[in-house]
Protein backbone atom coordinates (compact mmCIF):
# COMPACT_ATOMS: atom_id res chain seq x y z
CA UNK A 1 107.80 92.08 112.36
CA UNK A 2 111.08 90.28 111.74
CA UNK A 3 113.26 90.77 108.73
CA UNK A 4 114.25 87.64 106.91
CA UNK A 5 117.99 87.05 106.84
CA UNK A 6 119.88 88.04 103.72
CA UNK A 7 120.23 85.10 101.36
CA UNK A 8 122.96 85.83 98.80
CA UNK A 9 121.95 82.89 96.62
CA UNK A 10 118.39 84.15 96.34
CA UNK A 11 119.59 87.71 95.70
CA UNK A 12 121.92 86.53 92.92
CA UNK A 13 119.18 84.40 91.37
CA UNK A 14 116.87 87.41 91.36
CA UNK A 15 119.51 89.62 89.74
CA UNK A 16 120.26 87.00 87.10
CA UNK A 17 116.57 86.51 86.28
CA UNK A 18 116.07 90.25 85.99
CA UNK A 19 119.05 90.57 83.66
CA UNK A 20 117.94 87.59 81.59
CA UNK A 21 114.47 89.07 81.12
CA UNK A 22 115.84 92.47 80.09
CA UNK A 23 119.12 91.66 78.31
CA UNK A 24 117.74 92.14 74.79
CA UNK A 25 116.69 95.71 75.63
CA UNK A 26 119.86 96.75 77.47
CA UNK A 27 122.90 98.41 75.97
CA UNK A 28 126.22 96.58 76.10
CA UNK A 29 127.42 99.06 78.75
CA UNK A 30 124.35 98.35 80.90
CA UNK A 31 124.90 94.61 80.55
CA UNK A 32 128.54 95.08 81.51
CA UNK A 33 127.62 97.14 84.58
CA UNK A 34 124.97 94.68 85.76
CA UNK A 35 127.21 91.66 85.25
CA UNK A 36 130.03 93.41 87.08
CA UNK A 37 127.68 94.10 90.01
CA UNK A 38 126.67 90.42 90.01
CA UNK A 39 130.36 89.47 89.87
CA UNK A 40 131.10 91.62 92.89
CA UNK A 41 128.17 90.23 94.89
CA UNK A 42 129.10 86.65 93.94
CA UNK A 43 132.69 87.28 95.02
CA UNK A 44 131.59 88.66 98.40
CA UNK A 45 129.25 85.69 98.91
CA UNK A 46 131.91 83.12 97.99
CA UNK A 47 130.26 81.87 94.80
CA UNK A 48 133.52 81.38 92.93
CA UNK A 49 132.11 79.85 89.75
CA UNK A 50 129.42 82.51 89.40
CA UNK A 51 132.03 85.21 90.01
CA UNK A 52 134.14 83.80 87.17
CA UNK A 53 131.16 83.49 84.85
CA UNK A 54 129.99 87.04 85.60
CA UNK A 55 133.51 88.36 85.06
CA UNK A 56 133.68 86.66 81.67
CA UNK A 57 130.21 87.86 80.75
CA UNK A 58 131.00 91.46 81.74
CA UNK A 59 134.05 91.39 79.48
CA UNK A 60 132.17 89.79 76.58
CA UNK A 61 129.37 92.35 76.89
CA UNK A 62 131.71 94.97 75.47
CA UNK A 63 132.63 92.95 72.37
CA UNK A 64 130.78 92.34 69.10
CA UNK A 65 128.27 89.54 69.50
CA UNK A 66 127.50 90.49 73.07
CA UNK A 67 123.86 89.33 72.83
CA UNK A 68 124.91 85.77 72.00
CA UNK A 69 127.67 85.78 74.63
CA UNK A 70 125.39 87.19 77.33
CA UNK A 71 122.76 84.57 76.56
CA UNK A 72 125.31 81.77 76.71
CA UNK A 73 126.62 83.00 80.05
CA UNK A 74 123.14 83.44 81.52
CA UNK A 75 122.17 79.94 80.38
CA UNK A 76 124.95 78.55 82.59
CA UNK A 77 124.34 80.84 85.57
CA UNK A 78 122.33 78.23 87.47
CA UNK A 79 125.14 75.72 87.13
CA UNK A 80 127.63 78.32 88.28
CA UNK A 81 125.51 79.23 91.29
CA UNK A 82 125.34 75.56 92.31
CA UNK A 83 129.06 74.87 91.74
CA UNK A 84 131.13 74.31 94.85
CA UNK A 85 134.61 73.34 93.63
CA UNK A 86 137.32 74.82 91.43
CA UNK A 87 136.79 71.95 88.99
CA UNK A 88 133.10 72.81 88.70
CA UNK A 89 134.02 76.45 88.07
CA UNK A 90 136.32 75.36 85.23
CA UNK A 91 133.61 73.10 83.82
CA UNK A 92 131.09 75.94 83.73
CA UNK A 93 133.54 78.31 82.04
CA UNK A 94 134.55 75.58 79.57
CA UNK A 95 130.89 74.95 78.71
CA UNK A 96 130.41 78.64 77.91
CA UNK A 97 133.63 78.74 75.87
CA UNK A 98 132.53 75.69 73.88
CA UNK A 99 129.18 77.30 73.07
CA UNK A 100 130.86 80.48 71.91
CA UNK A 101 133.53 78.80 69.83
């Protein structure tokens, strides 16, 4: 039996889906902790835009309105995972900021 190689993109997608499905039932501290873990994994894997989005989401999870902010961030997670340039990272973060404004 051979183990399949670790795929960070697939792992991050799984984590994001799990968080999205459970976010309404999690406390703000749990959301913060999970987003920070996603941020760390994205940073290690070189997904710069997702790292930035997860960092923002982890911070927003501790503020009033965290459910709306978490949802907005998770809605853009796929775009962040696919982003490859610094400009795309900025575009993803700007899209989230515009939704929250």
